[in-house]
Each structure stands twice: as structure tokens, then as C-alpha cells.
Amino acid sequence: MASFAPTDMYRPARLNWAQGALLLGLAALIIPTLVTVADQFWSRENGVHGPIVLATGIWLFLRQRKTLMELRAPGNPWLVLASCLLLMPAYILGRAFDYLSIEAAALLGILVSVFYLYFGGCAVRHVAICARRNSMSLRQLKARPSMMMVSGARAIRLPPALDFQIPAKSPFVRSAAIDGENPRRVARERLP
């Protein structure tokens, strides 16, 4: 019986029938979701950056492939089967009733499960730690006064010459004074 997970780490990239069937099944899930995302979100002004984000994510995975191959240890196929059996109804529900967020979340869970099957828990932890390390949190922004929030999600570094103090007439200071809080502390927490 063919195994889904490769047993030899340095085996040439030849697919057996089970891996080919798994790739066909993933393609049957990914392609309709990508077509829907491209039609509903990537064609609008607020989602036009989607293909760039997808391409960047793929590039980052390809950049880490050497590390991932070193960490590679097959995962538990029963755990993957159980997670896919739990996530497939959510994917079908999202697809059938046009809930793209449920569909995409279930597909992401299925892809993480398949990634775990082939690369193991250490590689999943490595990817999760790299993603967490590269994201900015509000605590990090408070610790670095030369950082400011842009549109609530992205952070940029200001040159020291442009580092700023929040003026007393700022709406953040005024709203904090009305609420009875320390206006300077609240203003620092609510960087524009």
C-alpha cells in the first residue's frame, strides 16, 4: 500500500499514485476558490493587492525550502485525516452557500494539514514562528517611538529627523481628556 508521506528525506521528486491523487484533490479545492477570490475580491480596488500578496507568500515559502527540507519529518496521517474530515464540511458549506471567508479558512486548514503531513510538526512550528516574528504587534510599536501605524495594519519606520510628538490639539488627546484618562498616555497608545 502506498503511503501519503514520503519516507526517505532525499528521495527524488517522483510522485506515487497516492501523492498524485492528493495533488489532484488539492487542485480541485484550490482552483475554484482562487477563481472566486479573483472574481469577488481581487477585481476590486481594495483587493487588487491580493495576487501580489499570494506571489510574495509563495516566494517566501520557496526561500525557506532548504530549511524546511532539513526539518522534514512526516506527520501523523491519522491526525491529518481527522482534520481534513472536520474541515471538508466547512469547505463544502462555504462553497455551497457562497461564504468565501468560511471556504478560504477551511481550505487554509486543509493546506496546513497537508503541509504537516509532508513536513511534520517542526516545520509547521518553524513557519508559524517566522510569521509571528515578522509581524508587528502593538507592544512593539509602543516600545519603538519611531514607528507609526499606517491604516491600522502596516508599520513603517520613520527617520529620526521625522520622529514626532503628538500635538496637544490632536483629536486623540481631546477624546482622552473628555474620557478623563491621561491624554499623553492615551495619545501615545493611539498613534495615527
C-alpha atoms as a PDB file:
ATOM      1  CA  MET A   1       0.000   0.000   0.000  1.00  0.00           C
ATOM      2  CA  ALA A   2       1.376   3.426  -0.920  1.00  0.00           C
ATOM      3  CA  SER A   3       1.963   5.971   1.809  1.00  0.00           C
ATOM      4  CA  PHE A   4       0.964   9.615   1.558  1.00  0.00           C
ATOM      5  CA  ALA A   5       4.030  10.831   3.454  1.00  0.00           C
ATOM      6  CA  PRO A   6       7.476  10.333   1.939  1.00  0.00           C
ATOM      7  CA  THR A   7       9.702   8.013   3.969  1.00  0.00           C
ATOM      8  CA  ASP A   8      13.087   8.953   2.529  1.00  0.00           C
ATOM      9  CA  MET A   9      14.163  12.539   3.020  1.00  0.00           C
ATOM     10  CA  TYR A  10      16.435  12.680  -0.031  1.00  0.00           C
ATOM     11  CA  ARG A  11      14.292  10.738  -2.459  1.00  0.00           C
ATOM     12  CA  PRO A  12      13.958  12.182  -5.972  1.00  0.00           C
ATOM     13  CA  ALA A  13      10.791  14.148  -6.641  1.00  0.00           C
ATOM     14  CA  ARG A  14       8.771  11.283  -8.159  1.00  0.00           C
ATOM     15  CA  LEU A  15       5.152  11.006  -7.169  1.00  0.00           C
ATOM     16  CA  ASN A  16       3.441   7.754  -6.394  1.00  0.00           C
ATOM     17  CA  TRP A  17      -0.246   7.264  -7.149  1.00  0.00           C
ATOM     18  CA  ALA A  18      -1.392   8.396  -3.672  1.00  0.00           C
ATOM     19  CA  GLN A  19       0.569  11.641  -3.847  1.00  0.00           C
ATOM     20  CA  GLY A  20      -0.740  12.306  -7.343  1.00  0.00           C
ATOM     21  CA  ALA A  21      -4.310  11.737  -6.168  1.00  0.00           C
ATOM     22  CA  LEU A  22      -3.716  14.079  -3.238  1.00  0.00           C
ATOM     23  CA  LEU A  23      -2.382  16.786  -5.568  1.00  0.00           C
ATOM     24  CA  LEU A  24      -5.397  16.392  -7.871  1.00  0.00           C
ATOM     25  CA  GLY A  25      -7.723  16.671  -4.879  1.00  0.00           C
ATOM     26  CA  LEU A  26      -5.960  19.806  -3.636  1.00  0.00           C
ATOM     27  CA  ALA A  27      -6.133  21.316  -7.110  1.00  0.00           C
ATOM     28  CA  ALA A  28      -9.874  20.580  -7.173  1.00  0.00           C
ATOM     29  CA  LEU A  29     -10.202  22.590  -3.950  1.00  0.00           C
ATOM     30  CA  ILE A  30      -7.721  25.402  -4.649  1.00  0.00           C
ATOM     31  CA  ILE A  31      -8.630  26.328  -8.240  1.00  0.00           C
ATOM     32  CA  PRO A  32     -12.351  27.102  -7.674  1.00  0.00           C
ATOM     33  CA  THR A  33     -11.525  29.083  -4.526  1.00  0.00           C
ATOM     34  CA  LEU A  34      -8.849  31.099  -6.333  1.00  0.00           C
ATOM     35  CA  VAL A  35     -11.241  31.812  -9.212  1.00  0.00           C
ATOM     36  CA  THR A  36     -13.890  33.022  -6.734  1.00  0.00           C
ATOM     37  CA  VAL A  37     -11.382  35.156  -4.829  1.00  0.00           C
ATOM     38  CA  ALA A  38     -10.106  36.657  -8.090  1.00  0.00           C
ATOM     39  CA  ASP A  39     -13.651  37.404  -9.231  1.00  0.00           C
ATOM     40  CA  GLN A  40     -15.012  38.786  -5.950  1.00  0.00           C
ATOM     41  CA  PHE A  41     -12.046  40.460  -4.250  1.00  0.00           C
ATOM     42  CA  TRP A  42      -9.004  40.839  -6.462  1.00  0.00           C
ATOM     43  CA  SER A  43     -11.016  42.700  -9.102  1.00  0.00           C
ATOM     44  CA  ARG A  44     -12.000  45.450  -6.641  1.00  0.00           C
ATOM     45  CA  GLU A  45      -9.918  48.421  -5.617  1.00  0.00           C
ATOM     46  CA  ASN A  46      -9.456  47.277  -2.019  1.00  0.00           C
ATOM     47  CA  GLY A  47      -8.318  43.775  -3.037  1.00  0.00           C
ATOM     48  CA  VAL A  48      -6.135  44.474  -6.043  1.00  0.00           C
ATOM     49  CA  HIS A  49      -3.009  43.691  -3.996  1.00  0.00           C
ATOM     50  CA  GLY A  50      -4.159  40.071  -3.451  1.00  0.00           C
ATOM     51  CA  PRO A  51      -2.144  38.436  -6.264  1.00  0.00           C
ATOM     52  CA  ILE A  52       0.976  40.285  -5.091  1.00  0.00           C
ATOM     53  CA  VAL A  53       0.468  39.002  -1.537  1.00  0.00           C
ATOM     54  CA  LEU A  54      -0.078  35.458  -2.836  1.00  0.00           C
ATOM     55  CA  ALA A  55       3.049  35.609  -5.009  1.00  0.00           C
ATOM     56  CA  THR A  56       5.074  37.016  -2.102  1.00  0.00           C
ATOM     57  CA  GLY A  57       3.875  34.231   0.192  1.00  0.00           C
ATOM     58  CA  ILE A  58       4.828  31.579  -2.348  1.00  0.00           C
ATOM     59  CA  TRP A  59       8.225  33.232  -2.798  1.00  0.00           C
ATOM     60  CA  LEU A  60       8.795  33.239   0.986  1.00  0.00           C
ATOM     61  CA  PHE A  61       7.990  29.523   1.172  1.00  0.00           C
ATOM     62  CA  LEU A  62      10.355  28.784  -1.716  1.00  0.00           C
ATOM     63  CA  ARG A  63      13.029  30.834   0.012  1.00  0.00           C
ATOM     64  CA  GLN A  64      12.658  28.666   3.142  1.00  0.00           C
ATOM     65  CA  ARG A  65      12.606  25.333   1.290  1.00  0.00           C
ATOM     66  CA  LYS A  66      16.151  24.364   2.312  1.00  0.00           C
ATOM     67  CA  THR A  67      15.347  24.872   5.996  1.00  0.00           C
ATOM     68  CA  LEU A  68      12.019  23.099   5.594  1.00  0.00           C
ATOM     69  CA  MET A  69      13.724  20.125   3.927  1.00  0.00           C
ATOM     70  CA  GLU A  70      16.171  19.921   6.849  1.00  0.00           C
ATOM     71  CA  LEU A  71      13.297  19.961   9.361  1.00  0.00           C
ATOM     72  CA  ARG A  72      11.247  17.471   7.353  1.00  0.00           C
ATOM     73  CA  ALA A  73       9.789  14.549   9.275  1.00  0.00           C
ATOM     74  CA  PRO A  74       6.473  13.047   8.140  1.00  0.00           C
ATOM     75  CA  GLY A  75       3.457  13.905  10.269  1.00  0.00           C
ATOM     76  CA  ASN A  76       0.777  11.637  11.646  1.00  0.00           C
ATOM     77  CA  PRO A  77      -1.536  10.628   8.759  1.00  0.00           C
ATOM     78  CA  TRP A  78      -4.422   9.829  11.135  1.00  0.00           C
ATOM     79  CA  LEU A  79      -4.313  13.349  12.555  1.00  0.00           C
ATOM     80  CA  VAL A  80      -4.344  14.777   9.031  1.00  0.00           C
ATOM     81  CA  LEU A  81      -7.249  12.538   8.035  1.00  0.00           C
ATOM     82  CA  ALA A  82      -9.233  13.622  11.098  1.00  0.00           C
ATOM     83  CA  SER A  83      -8.573  17.320  10.479  1.00  0.00           C
ATOM     84  CA  CYS A  84      -9.496  17.030   6.805  1.00  0.00           C
ATOM     85  CA  LEU A  85     -12.701  15.170   7.690  1.00  0.00           C
ATOM     86  CA  LEU A  86     -13.595  18.023  10.049  1.00  0.00           C
ATOM     87  CA  LEU A  87     -12.642  20.795   7.618  1.00  0.00           C
ATOM     88  CA  MET A  88     -14.210  19.402   4.435  1.00  0.00           C
ATOM     89  CA  PRO A  89     -17.819  20.014   5.567  1.00  0.00           C
ATOM     90  CA  ALA A  90     -16.882  23.617   6.380  1.00  0.00           C
ATOM     91  CA  TYR A  91     -15.322  23.992   2.935  1.00  0.00           C
ATOM     92  CA  ILE A  92     -18.405  22.475   1.262  1.00  0.00           C
ATOM     93  CA  LEU A  93     -20.715  24.708   3.318  1.00  0.00           C
ATOM     94  CA  GLY A  94     -18.733  27.813   2.396  1.00  0.00           C
ATOM     95  CA  ARG A  95     -18.635  26.827  -1.265  1.00  0.00           C
ATOM     96  CA  ALA A  96     -22.302  25.875  -1.492  1.00  0.00           C
ATOM     97  CA  PHE A  97     -23.661  28.970   0.254  1.00  0.00           C
ATOM     98  CA  ASP A  98     -21.043  31.409  -1.097  1.00  0.00           C
ATOM     99  CA  TYR A  99     -19.409  32.177   2.261  1.00  0.00           C
ATOM    100  CA  LEU A 100     -15.943  32.872   0.918  1.00  0.00           C
ATOM    101  CA  SER A 101     -14.404  33.518   4.333  1.00  0.00           C
ATOM    102  CA  ILE A 102     -15.505  30.077   5.628  1.00  0.00           C
ATOM    103  CA  GLU A 103     -14.396  28.440   2.388  1.00  0.00           C
ATOM    104  CA  ALA A 104     -10.973  30.096   2.480  1.00  0.00           C
ATOM    105  CA  ALA A 105     -10.447  29.362   6.185  1.00  0.00           C
ATOM    106  CA  ALA A 106     -11.309  25.681   5.698  1.00  0.00           C
ATOM    107  CA  LEU A 107      -9.025  25.499   2.666  1.00  0.00           C
ATOM    108  CA  LEU A 108      -6.210  27.074   4.673  1.00  0.00           C
ATOM    109  CA  GLY A 109      -6.725  24.479   7.404  1.00  0.00           C
ATOM    110  CA  ILE A 110      -6.619  21.680   4.837  1.00  0.00           C
ATOM    111  CA  LEU A 111      -3.429  23.089   3.300  1.00  0.00           C
ATOM    112  CA  VAL A 112      -1.792  23.358   6.730  1.00  0.00           C
ATOM    113  CA  SER A 113      -2.812  19.748   7.418  1.00  0.00           C
ATOM    114  CA  VAL A 114      -1.253  18.538   4.162  1.00  0.00           C
ATOM    115  CA  PHE A 115       1.853  20.625   4.879  1.00  0.00           C
ATOM    116  CA  TYR A 116       2.054  18.924   8.285  1.00  0.00           C
ATOM    117  CA  LEU A 117       1.684  15.521   6.632  1.00  0.00           C
ATOM    118  CA  TYR A 118       4.700  16.058   4.384  1.00  0.00           C
ATOM    119  CA  PHE A 119       6.946  18.233   6.550  1.00  0.00           C
ATOM    120  CA  GLY A 120       5.940  17.457  10.148  1.00  0.00           C
ATOM    121  CA  GLY A 121       5.322  19.476  13.273  1.00  0.00           C
ATOM    122  CA  CYS A 122       8.793  21.069  13.467  1.00  0.00           C
ATOM    123  CA  ALA A 123       8.374  22.634  10.032  1.00  0.00           C
ATOM    124  CA  VAL A 124       4.872  23.892  10.899  1.00  0.00           C
ATOM    125  CA  ARG A 125       6.245  25.469  14.091  1.00  0.00           C
ATOM    126  CA  HIS A 126       9.134  26.999  12.121  1.00  0.00           C
ATOM    127  CA  VAL A 127       6.762  28.613   9.627  1.00  0.00           C
ATOM    128  CA  ALA A 128       4.465  29.846  12.418  1.00  0.00           C
ATOM    129  CA  ILE A 129       7.366  31.323  14.395  1.00  0.00           C
ATOM    130  CA  CYS A 130       8.748  33.049  11.292  1.00  0.00           C
ATOM    131  CA  ALA A 131       5.320  34.535  10.557  1.00  0.00           C
ATOM    132  CA  ARG A 132       4.891  35.713  14.134  1.00  0.00           C
ATOM    133  CA  ARG A 133       8.429  37.145  14.261  1.00  0.00           C
ATOM    134  CA  ASN A 134       7.865  39.140  11.071  1.00  0.00           C
ATOM    135  CA  SER A 135       4.555  40.679  12.174  1.00  0.00           C
ATOM    136  CA  MET A 136       4.392  43.853  14.225  1.00  0.00           C
ATOM    137  CA  SER A 137       2.407  43.956  17.431  1.00  0.00           C
ATOM    138  CA  LEU A 138       1.094  46.975  19.279  1.00  0.00           C
ATOM    139  CA  ARG A 139       3.534  46.268  22.116  1.00  0.00           C
ATOM    140  CA  GLN A 140       6.448  46.547  19.694  1.00  0.00           C
ATOM    141  CA  LEU A 141       5.042  49.793  18.342  1.00  0.00           C
ATOM    142  CA  LYS A 142       4.805  51.254  21.859  1.00  0.00           C
ATOM    143  CA  ALA A 143       8.389  50.233  22.557  1.00  0.00           C
ATOM    144  CA  ARG A 144       9.647  51.949  19.394  1.00  0.00           C
ATOM    145  CA  PRO A 145       8.564  55.586  19.198  1.00  0.00           C
ATOM    146  CA  SER A 146       9.960  55.893  15.684  1.00  0.00           C
ATOM    147  CA  MET A 147       7.272  53.518  14.390  1.00  0.00           C
ATOM    148  CA  MET A 148       3.796  54.610  13.437  1.00  0.00           C
ATOM    149  CA  MET A 149       0.719  52.779  12.299  1.00  0.00           C
ATOM    150  CA  VAL A 150      -0.453  53.218   8.742  1.00  0.00           C
ATOM    151  CA  SER A 151      -4.081  52.263   8.017  1.00  0.00           C
ATOM    152  CA  GLY A 152      -4.277  50.147  11.162  1.00  0.00           C
ATOM    153  CA  ALA A 153      -2.263  47.165   9.950  1.00  0.00           C
ATOM    154  CA  ARG A 154       1.104  48.071   8.448  1.00  0.00           C
ATOM    155  CA  ALA A 155       4.014  49.754  10.192  1.00  0.00           C
ATOM    156  CA  ILE A 156       6.743  51.901   8.705  1.00  0.00           C
ATOM    157  CA  ARG A 157       9.945  53.191  10.275  1.00  0.00           C
ATOM    158  CA  LEU A 158      10.334  56.957  10.347  1.00  0.00           C
ATOM    159  CA  PRO A 159      13.778  58.527  10.025  1.00  0.00           C
ATOM    160  CA  PRO A 160      14.913  60.076  13.341  1.00  0.00           C
ATOM    161  CA  ALA A 161      14.550  63.565  11.881  1.00  0.00           C
ATOM    162  CA  LEU A 162      10.844  62.930  11.209  1.00  0.00           C
ATOM    163  CA  ASP A 163      10.057  61.337  14.573  1.00  0.00           C
ATOM    164  CA  PHE A 164       7.229  63.359  16.019  1.00  0.00           C
ATOM    165  CA  GLN A 165       5.487  64.343  19.215  1.00  0.00           C
ATOM    166  CA  ILE A 166       1.697  64.267  19.216  1.00  0.00           C
ATOM    167  CA  PRO A 167       0.447  67.856  19.462  1.00  0.00           C
ATOM    168  CA  ALA A 168      -1.867  68.868  22.302  1.00  0.00           C
ATOM    169  CA  LYS A 169      -4.599  69.740  19.789  1.00  0.00           C
ATOM    170  CA  SER A 170      -4.682  66.177  18.467  1.00  0.00           C
ATOM    171  CA  PRO A 171      -8.149  64.536  18.388  1.00  0.00           C
ATOM    172  CA  PHE A 172      -6.692  61.630  20.365  1.00  0.00           C
ATOM    173  CA  VAL A 173      -5.638  63.963  23.171  1.00  0.00           C
ATOM    174  CA  ARG A 174      -9.005  65.736  23.184  1.00  0.00           C
ATOM    175  CA  SER A 175     -11.032  62.484  23.254  1.00  0.00           C
ATOM    176  CA  ALA A 176      -8.855  61.123  26.070  1.00  0.00           C
ATOM    177  CA  ALA A 177      -9.269  64.319  28.087  1.00  0.00           C
ATOM    178  CA  ILE A 178     -13.043  64.029  27.712  1.00  0.00           C
ATOM    179  CA  ASP A 179     -12.907  60.412  28.931  1.00  0.00           C
ATOM    180  CA  GLY A 180     -10.872  61.515  31.973  1.00  0.00           C
ATOM    181  CA  GLU A 181      -7.762  59.491  31.082  1.00  0.00           C
ATOM    182  CA  ASN A 182      -4.207  60.757  30.947  1.00  0.00           C
ATOM    183  CA  PRO A 183      -4.212  62.354  27.472  1.00  0.00           C
ATOM    184  CA  ARG A 184      -0.488  61.922  26.714  1.00  0.00           C
ATOM    185  CA  ARG A 185      -0.506  58.217  27.605  1.00  0.00           C
ATOM    186  CA  VAL A 186      -3.602  57.565  25.521  1.00  0.00           C
ATOM    187  CA  ALA A 187      -2.196  59.607  22.639  1.00  0.00           C
ATOM    188  CA  ARG A 188       0.990  57.520  22.615  1.00  0.00           C
ATOM    189  CA  GLU A 189      -1.085  54.315  22.559  1.00  0.00           C
ATOM    190  CA  ARG A 190      -3.214  55.561  19.651  1.00  0.00           C
ATOM    191  CA  LEU A 191      -0.538  56.550  17.166  1.00  0.00           C
ATOM    192  CA  PRO A 192      -2.106  57.729  13.874  1.00  0.00           C
END
